[in-house]
All heavy atoms as atom14 arrays in JSON, in Angstrom:
{
  "sequence": "SSQNVVIVCHNLAVQHHITELLAANQIDGSRIQFVV",
  "atom14_mask": [
    [1, 1, 1, 1, 1, 1, 0, 0, 0, 0, 0, 0, 0, 0],
    [1, 1, 1, 1, 1, 1, 0, 0, 0, 0, 0, 0, 0, 0],
    [1, 1, 1, 1, 1, 1, 1, 1, 1, 0, 0, 0, 0, 0],
    [1, 1, 1, 1, 1, 1, 1, 1, 0, 0, 0, 0, 0, 0],
    [1, 1, 1, 1, 1, 1, 1, 0, 0, 0, 0, 0, 0, 0],
    [1, 1, 1, 1, 1, 1, 1, 0, 0, 0, 0, 0, 0, 0],
    [1, 1, 1, 1, 1, 1, 1, 1, 0, 0, 0, 0, 0, 0],
    [1, 1, 1, 1, 1, 1, 1, 0, 0, 0, 0, 0, 0, 0],
    [1, 1, 1, 1, 1, 1, 0, 0, 0, 0, 0, 0, 0, 0],
    [1, 1, 1, 1, 1, 1, 1, 1, 1, 1, 0, 0, 0, 0],
    [1, 1, 1, 1, 1, 1, 1, 1, 0, 0, 0, 0, 0, 0],
    [1, 1, 1, 1, 1, 1, 1, 1, 0, 0, 0, 0, 0, 0],
    [1, 1, 1, 1, 1, 0, 0, 0, 0, 0, 0, 0, 0, 0],
    [1, 1, 1, 1, 1, 1, 1, 0, 0, 0, 0, 0, 0, 0],
    [1, 1, 1, 1, 1, 1, 1, 1, 1, 0, 0, 0, 0, 0],
    [1, 1, 1, 1, 1, 1, 1, 1, 1, 1, 0, 0, 0, 0],
    [1, 1, 1, 1, 1, 1, 1, 1, 1, 1, 0, 0, 0, 0],
    [1, 1, 1, 1, 1, 1, 1, 1, 0, 0, 0, 0, 0, 0],
    [1, 1, 1, 1, 1, 1, 1, 0, 0, 0, 0, 0, 0, 0],
    [1, 1, 1, 1, 1, 1, 1, 1, 1, 0, 0, 0, 0, 0],
    [1, 1, 1, 1, 1, 1, 1, 1, 0, 0, 0, 0, 0, 0],
    [1, 1, 1, 1, 1, 1, 1, 1, 0, 0, 0, 0, 0, 0],
    [1, 1, 1, 1, 1, 0, 0, 0, 0, 0, 0, 0, 0, 0],
    [1, 1, 1, 1, 1, 0, 0, 0, 0, 0, 0, 0, 0, 0],
    [1, 1, 1, 1, 1, 1, 1, 1, 0, 0, 0, 0, 0, 0],
    [1, 1, 1, 1, 1, 1, 1, 1, 1, 0, 0, 0, 0, 0],
    [1, 1, 1, 1, 1, 1, 1, 1, 0, 0, 0, 0, 0, 0],
    [1, 1, 1, 1, 1, 1, 1, 1, 0, 0, 0, 0, 0, 0],
    [1, 1, 1, 1, 0, 0, 0, 0, 0, 0, 0, 0, 0, 0],
    [1, 1, 1, 1, 1, 1, 0, 0, 0, 0, 0, 0, 0, 0],
    [1, 1, 1, 1, 1, 1, 1, 1, 1, 1, 1, 0, 0, 0],
    [1, 1, 1, 1, 1, 1, 1, 1, 0, 0, 0, 0, 0, 0],
    [1, 1, 1, 1, 1, 1, 1, 1, 1, 0, 0, 0, 0, 0],
    [1, 1, 1, 1, 1, 1, 1, 1, 1, 1, 1, 0, 0, 0],
    [1, 1, 1, 1, 1, 1, 1, 0, 0, 0, 0, 0, 0, 0],
    [1, 1, 1, 1, 1, 1, 1, 0, 0, 0, 0, 0, 0, 0]
  ],
  "atom14_positions": [
    [[-11.64, 4.61, -3.15], [-13.01, 4.56, -3.16], [-13.69, 4.25, -4.67], [-14.84, 3.87, -4.69], [-13.6, 5.99, -2.65], [-13.36, 6.93, -3.66], [0.0, 0.0, 0.0], [0.0, 0.0, 0.0], [0.0, 0.0, 0.0], [0.0, 0.0, 0.0], [0.0, 0.0, 0.0], [0.0, 0.0, 0.0], [0.0, 0.0, 0.0], [0.0, 0.0, 0.0]],
    [[-12.83, 4.43, -5.6], [-13.4, 4.2, -6.94], [-12.58, 3.52, -7.84], [-12.98, 3.07, -8.95], [-13.83, 5.61, -7.62], [-12.7, 6.44, -7.71], [0.0, 0.0, 0.0], [0.0, 0.0, 0.0], [0.0, 0.0, 0.0], [0.0, 0.0, 0.0], [0.0, 0.0, 0.0], [0.0, 0.0, 0.0], [0.0, 0.0, 0.0], [0.0, 0.0, 0.0]],
    [[-11.23, 3.37, -7.62], [-10.3, 2.68, -8.47], [-9.12, 2.19, -7.76], [-8.89, 2.27, -6.61], [-10.04, 3.53, -9.67], [-9.11, 4.75, -9.33], [-9.04, 5.74, -10.69], [-9.87, 6.47, -10.91], [-7.96, 5.4, -11.37], [0.0, 0.0, 0.0], [0.0, 0.0, 0.0], [0.0, 0.0, 0.0], [0.0, 0.0, 0.0], [0.0, 0.0, 0.0]],
    [[-8.22, 1.52, -8.66], [-7.04, 0.79, -8.08], [-5.82, 1.8, -8.1], [-5.82, 2.86, -8.75], [-6.68, -0.38, -9.01], [-7.73, -1.57, -9.12], [-8.52, -1.62, -8.12], [-7.76, -2.22, -10.14], [0.0, 0.0, 0.0], [0.0, 0.0, 0.0], [0.0, 0.0, 0.0], [0.0, 0.0, 0.0], [0.0, 0.0, 0.0], [0.0, 0.0, 0.0]],
    [[-4.86, 1.42, -7.29], [-3.67, 2.11, -7.0], [-2.41, 1.3, -7.14], [-2.47, 0.09, -6.65], [-3.74, 2.8, -5.59], [-2.31, 3.71, -5.42], [-4.9, 3.83, -5.53], [0.0, 0.0, 0.0], [0.0, 0.0, 0.0], [0.0, 0.0, 0.0], [0.0, 0.0, 0.0], [0.0, 0.0, 0.0], [0.0, 0.0, 0.0], [0.0, 0.0, 0.0]],
    [[-1.42, 1.69, -7.86], [-0.15, 1.07, -7.86], [0.87, 1.92, -7.15], [1.11, 3.14, -7.45], [0.39, 0.81, -9.3], [1.81, 0.34, -9.4], [-0.66, -0.15, -10.14], [0.0, 0.0, 0.0], [0.0, 0.0, 0.0], [0.0, 0.0, 0.0], [0.0, 0.0, 0.0], [0.0, 0.0, 0.0], [0.0, 0.0, 0.0], [0.0, 0.0, 0.0]],
    [[1.5, 1.32, -6.18], [2.41, 2.11, -5.26], [3.97, 1.5, -5.53], [4.14, 0.32, -5.34], [2.14, 1.99, -3.8], [0.69, 2.57, -3.49], [3.23, 2.81, -3.01], [0.32, 2.45, -2.02], [0.0, 0.0, 0.0], [0.0, 0.0, 0.0], [0.0, 0.0, 0.0], [0.0, 0.0, 0.0], [0.0, 0.0, 0.0], [0.0, 0.0, 0.0]],
    [[4.77, 2.42, -6.0], [6.16, 2.12, -6.21], [6.9, 2.21, -4.84], [6.85, 3.39, -4.36], [6.8, 2.84, -7.4], [8.31, 2.45, -7.5], [6.06, 2.68, -8.72], [0.0, 0.0, 0.0], [0.0, 0.0, 0.0], [0.0, 0.0, 0.0], [0.0, 0.0, 0.0], [0.0, 0.0, 0.0], [0.0, 0.0, 0.0], [0.0, 0.0, 0.0]],
    [[7.64, 1.27, -4.35], [8.23, 1.25, -3.07], [9.83, 1.09, -3.25], [10.15, 0.31, -4.01], [7.79, 0.13, -2.16], [5.97, 0.06, -2.09], [0.0, 0.0, 0.0], [0.0, 0.0, 0.0], [0.0, 0.0, 0.0], [0.0, 0.0, 0.0], [0.0, 0.0, 0.0], [0.0, 0.0, 0.0], [0.0, 0.0, 0.0], [0.0, 0.0, 0.0]],
    [[10.52, 1.86, -2.48], [11.94, 1.95, -2.6], [12.58, 0.54, -2.26], [13.59, 0.0, -2.83], [12.52, 3.0, -1.63], [14.03, 3.05, -1.6], [14.78, 3.34, -2.63], [14.93, 2.94, -0.6], [15.96, 3.47, -2.37], [16.19, 3.15, -1.23], [0.0, 0.0, 0.0], [0.0, 0.0, 0.0], [0.0, 0.0, 0.0], [0.0, 0.0, 0.0]],
    [[11.92, -0.15, -1.3], [12.46, -1.53, -0.9], [11.19, -2.22, -0.16], [10.15, -1.75, -0.02], [13.72, -1.52, 0.02], [13.45, -0.63, 1.13], [12.62, -0.33, 1.71], [14.68, 0.11, 1.39], [0.0, 0.0, 0.0], [0.0, 0.0, 0.0], [0.0, 0.0, 0.0], [0.0, 0.0, 0.0], [0.0, 0.0, 0.0], [0.0, 0.0, 0.0]],
    [[11.53, -3.49, 0.39], [10.39, -4.21, 0.97], [10.08, -3.61, 2.28], [8.97, -3.78, 2.74], [10.91, -5.75, 1.18], [10.82, -6.59, -0.12], [11.5, -7.93, 0.14], [9.37, -6.54, -0.68], [0.0, 0.0, 0.0], [0.0, 0.0, 0.0], [0.0, 0.0, 0.0], [0.0, 0.0, 0.0], [0.0, 0.0, 0.0], [0.0, 0.0, 0.0]],
    [[11.19, -3.09, 3.04], [10.85, -2.38, 4.33], [9.86, -1.28, 4.06], [9.0, -1.04, 4.89], [12.18, -1.89, 4.87], [0.0, 0.0, 0.0], [0.0, 0.0, 0.0], [0.0, 0.0, 0.0], [0.0, 0.0, 0.0], [0.0, 0.0, 0.0], [0.0, 0.0, 0.0], [0.0, 0.0, 0.0], [0.0, 0.0, 0.0], [0.0, 0.0, 0.0]],
    [[10.11, -0.44, 3.06], [9.15, 0.56, 2.73], [7.75, -0.06, 2.45], [6.7, 0.55, 2.93], [9.58, 1.5, 1.5], [8.6, 2.61, 1.2], [10.92, 2.24, 2.04], [0.0, 0.0, 0.0], [0.0, 0.0, 0.0], [0.0, 0.0, 0.0], [0.0, 0.0, 0.0], [0.0, 0.0, 0.0], [0.0, 0.0, 0.0], [0.0, 0.0, 0.0]],
    [[7.65, -1.04, 1.73], [6.31, -1.67, 1.28], [5.64, -2.05, 2.65], [4.54, -1.85, 2.98], [6.51, -2.82, 0.38], [5.14, -3.59, 0.19], [5.29, -4.83, -0.73], [6.26, -4.89, -1.27], [4.24, -5.64, -0.71], [0.0, 0.0, 0.0], [0.0, 0.0, 0.0], [0.0, 0.0, 0.0], [0.0, 0.0, 0.0], [0.0, 0.0, 0.0]],
    [[6.39, -2.73, 3.59], [5.82, -3.1, 4.81], [5.28, -1.96, 5.66], [4.26, -2.03, 6.23], [6.86, -3.96, 5.67], [6.43, -4.38, 6.92], [5.52, -5.47, 7.06], [6.75, -4.04, 8.17], [5.14, -5.65, 8.41], [5.9, -4.87, 9.06], [0.0, 0.0, 0.0], [0.0, 0.0, 0.0], [0.0, 0.0, 0.0], [0.0, 0.0, 0.0]],
    [[6.16, -0.85, 5.73], [5.73, 0.27, 6.35], [4.47, 0.92, 5.9], [3.5, 1.35, 6.61], [6.83, 1.29, 6.25], [6.46, 2.73, 6.81], [6.03, 3.08, 7.89], [6.25, 3.94, 5.95], [5.84, 4.36, 8.01], [5.88, 4.84, 6.77], [0.0, 0.0, 0.0], [0.0, 0.0, 0.0], [0.0, 0.0, 0.0], [0.0, 0.0, 0.0]],
    [[4.27, 0.95, 4.52], [3.05, 1.49, 3.86], [1.95, 0.64, 4.27], [0.79, 1.16, 4.61], [3.3, 1.57, 2.33], [4.37, 2.58, 1.93], [2.01, 1.96, 1.67], [4.8, 2.45, 0.53], [0.0, 0.0, 0.0], [0.0, 0.0, 0.0], [0.0, 0.0, 0.0], [0.0, 0.0, 0.0], [0.0, 0.0, 0.0], [0.0, 0.0, 0.0]],
    [[2.11, -0.67, 4.29], [0.98, -1.58, 4.59], [0.39, -1.36, 5.94], [-0.8, -1.28, 6.12], [1.42, -3.06, 4.32], [1.91, -3.18, 2.96], [0.27, -4.1, 4.64], [0.0, 0.0, 0.0], [0.0, 0.0, 0.0], [0.0, 0.0, 0.0], [0.0, 0.0, 0.0], [0.0, 0.0, 0.0], [0.0, 0.0, 0.0], [0.0, 0.0, 0.0]],
    [[1.27, -1.15, 6.83], [1.04, -0.98, 8.23], [0.29, 0.44, 8.43], [-0.61, 0.52, 9.07], [2.22, -0.91, 9.18], [2.81, -2.4, 9.33], [3.79, -2.5, 10.45], [4.56, -1.5, 10.61], [4.02, -3.54, 11.04], [0.0, 0.0, 0.0], [0.0, 0.0, 0.0], [0.0, 0.0, 0.0], [0.0, 0.0, 0.0], [0.0, 0.0, 0.0]],
    [[0.82, 1.44, 7.77], [0.35, 2.78, 7.83], [-1.14, 2.72, 7.25], [-1.96, 3.41, 7.74], [1.12, 3.7, 7.01], [0.9, 5.16, 7.08], [1.18, 5.68, 8.44], [1.95, 5.94, 6.08], [0.0, 0.0, 0.0], [0.0, 0.0, 0.0], [0.0, 0.0, 0.0], [0.0, 0.0, 0.0], [0.0, 0.0, 0.0], [0.0, 0.0, 0.0]],
    [[-1.39, 2.15, 6.01], [-2.67, 2.22, 5.51], [-3.64, 1.4, 6.4], [-4.8, 1.86, 6.55], [-2.7, 1.48, 4.04], [-1.85, 2.31, 3.05], [-1.92, 1.58, 1.75], [-2.26, 3.69, 2.93], [0.0, 0.0, 0.0], [0.0, 0.0, 0.0], [0.0, 0.0, 0.0], [0.0, 0.0, 0.0], [0.0, 0.0, 0.0], [0.0, 0.0, 0.0]],
    [[-3.2, 0.25, 6.98], [-3.99, -0.51, 7.91], [-4.44, 0.28, 9.04], [-5.56, 0.27, 9.59], [-3.35, -1.83, 8.28], [0.0, 0.0, 0.0], [0.0, 0.0, 0.0], [0.0, 0.0, 0.0], [0.0, 0.0, 0.0], [0.0, 0.0, 0.0], [0.0, 0.0, 0.0], [0.0, 0.0, 0.0], [0.0, 0.0, 0.0], [0.0, 0.0, 0.0]],
    [[-3.4, 1.01, 9.58], [-3.67, 1.77, 10.8], [-4.67, 2.94, 10.48], [-5.5, 3.39, 11.42], [-2.4, 2.51, 11.27], [0.0, 0.0, 0.0], [0.0, 0.0, 0.0], [0.0, 0.0, 0.0], [0.0, 0.0, 0.0], [0.0, 0.0, 0.0], [0.0, 0.0, 0.0], [0.0, 0.0, 0.0], [0.0, 0.0, 0.0], [0.0, 0.0, 0.0]],
    [[-4.76, 3.35, 9.31], [-5.72, 4.45, 8.85], [-6.96, 3.78, 8.29], [-7.8, 4.42, 7.58], [-5.13, 5.28, 7.83], [-4.23, 6.23, 8.43], [-4.6, 7.41, 8.91], [-2.94, 5.94, 8.53], [0.0, 0.0, 0.0], [0.0, 0.0, 0.0], [0.0, 0.0, 0.0], [0.0, 0.0, 0.0], [0.0, 0.0, 0.0], [0.0, 0.0, 0.0]],
    [[-7.25, 2.36, 8.5], [-8.4, 1.67, 8.01], [-8.63, 1.91, 6.51], [-9.81, 2.12, 6.24], [-9.62, 2.16, 8.89], [-9.34, 1.89, 10.44], [-10.56, 2.33, 11.27], [-11.14, 3.37, 11.0], [-11.03, 1.52, 12.27], [0.0, 0.0, 0.0], [0.0, 0.0, 0.0], [0.0, 0.0, 0.0], [0.0, 0.0, 0.0], [0.0, 0.0, 0.0]],
    [[-7.59, 1.88, 5.79], [-7.8, 1.95, 4.3], [-7.68, 0.5, 3.81], [-6.74, -0.22, 4.08], [-6.71, 2.75, 3.72], [-6.86, 4.16, 4.08], [-6.69, 2.7, 2.22], [-5.95, 5.21, 3.71], [0.0, 0.0, 0.0], [0.0, 0.0, 0.0], [0.0, 0.0, 0.0], [0.0, 0.0, 0.0], [0.0, 0.0, 0.0], [0.0, 0.0, 0.0]],
    [[-8.69, 0.13, 2.97], [-8.85, -1.18, 2.26], [-7.61, -1.47, 1.42], [-7.5, -0.61, 0.33], [-10.12, -1.31, 1.63], [-10.26, -2.63, 0.95], [-9.47, -3.6, 1.1], [-11.35, -2.84, 0.24], [0.0, 0.0, 0.0], [0.0, 0.0, 0.0], [0.0, 0.0, 0.0], [0.0, 0.0, 0.0], [0.0, 0.0, 0.0], [0.0, 0.0, 0.0]],
    [[-6.82, -2.41, 1.54], [-5.68, -2.69, 0.61], [-6.06, -3.53, -0.56], [-5.08, -3.76, -1.32], [0.0, 0.0, 0.0], [0.0, 0.0, 0.0], [0.0, 0.0, 0.0], [0.0, 0.0, 0.0], [0.0, 0.0, 0.0], [0.0, 0.0, 0.0], [0.0, 0.0, 0.0], [0.0, 0.0, 0.0], [0.0, 0.0, 0.0], [0.0, 0.0, 0.0]],
    [[-7.18, -3.83, -0.77], [-7.54, -5.0, -1.81], [-7.4, -4.2, -3.25], [-7.24, -5.02, -4.24], [-8.96, -5.4, -1.66], [-9.92, -4.4, -1.81], [0.0, 0.0, 0.0], [0.0, 0.0, 0.0], [0.0, 0.0, 0.0], [0.0, 0.0, 0.0], [0.0, 0.0, 0.0], [0.0, 0.0, 0.0], [0.0, 0.0, 0.0], [0.0, 0.0, 0.0]],
    [[-7.37, -2.96, -3.21], [-7.31, -2.23, -4.48], [-5.78, -1.64, -4.78], [-5.54, -0.9, -5.67], [-8.24, -1.09, -4.59], [-9.75, -1.58, -5.04], [-10.66, -0.41, -5.12], [-11.65, -0.8, -6.15], [-12.78, -0.13, -6.49], [-12.82, 1.1, -5.95], [-13.68, -0.41, -7.33], [0.0, 0.0, 0.0], [0.0, 0.0, 0.0], [0.0, 0.0, 0.0]],
    [[-4.96, -2.08, -4.02], [-3.58, -1.62, -4.05], [-2.56, -2.71, -4.45], [-2.6, -3.9, -3.94], [-3.17, -0.97, -2.68], [-3.88, 0.19, -2.24], [-1.67, -0.59, -2.76], [-3.83, 0.59, -0.94], [0.0, 0.0, 0.0], [0.0, 0.0, 0.0], [0.0, 0.0, 0.0], [0.0, 0.0, 0.0], [0.0, 0.0, 0.0], [0.0, 0.0, 0.0]],
    [[-1.77, -2.35, -5.33], [-0.71, -3.33, -5.85], [0.57, -2.49, -5.59], [0.72, -1.3, -5.76], [-0.83, -3.69, -7.33], [-1.98, -4.43, -7.65], [-2.21, -4.72, -9.17], [-2.88, -3.93, -9.79], [-1.56, -5.72, -9.52], [0.0, 0.0, 0.0], [0.0, 0.0, 0.0], [0.0, 0.0, 0.0], [0.0, 0.0, 0.0], [0.0, 0.0, 0.0]],
    [[1.74, -3.35, -5.25], [3.02, -2.78, -4.99], [3.99, -3.16, -6.06], [3.89, -4.35, -6.6], [3.51, -3.21, -3.64], [2.76, -2.72, -2.45], [1.72, -3.36, -1.78], [3.0, -1.39, -2.01], [0.93, -2.98, -0.77], [2.21, -0.81, -0.99], [1.15, -1.63, -0.39], [0.0, 0.0, 0.0], [0.0, 0.0, 0.0], [0.0, 0.0, 0.0]],
    [[4.98, -2.29, -6.43], [6.21, -2.5, -7.15], [7.32, -2.09, -6.5], [7.36, -0.96, -5.84], [6.06, -1.68, -8.61], [7.52, -1.8, -9.22], [4.82, -2.23, -9.4], [0.0, 0.0, 0.0], [0.0, 0.0, 0.0], [0.0, 0.0, 0.0], [0.0, 0.0, 0.0], [0.0, 0.0, 0.0], [0.0, 0.0, 0.0], [0.0, 0.0, 0.0]],
    [[8.22, -3.02, -6.15], [9.42, -2.73, -5.36], [10.65, -2.53, -6.27], [11.1, -3.48, -7.07], [9.58, -3.86, -4.36], [10.78, -3.62, -3.44], [8.3, -4.13, -3.47], [0.0, 0.0, 0.0], [0.0, 0.0, 0.0], [0.0, 0.0, 0.0], [0.0, 0.0, 0.0], [0.0, 0.0, 0.0], [0.0, 0.0, 0.0], [0.0, 0.0, 0.0]]
  ]
}
């Protein structure tokens, strides 16, 4: 709601899972960056 987030993911499958989870909860992903 007010700043960016960096999410460290164990692997690409976890990143995909997070992306789906956030979308399902209607969370805007434009402020999120991933590190795998």
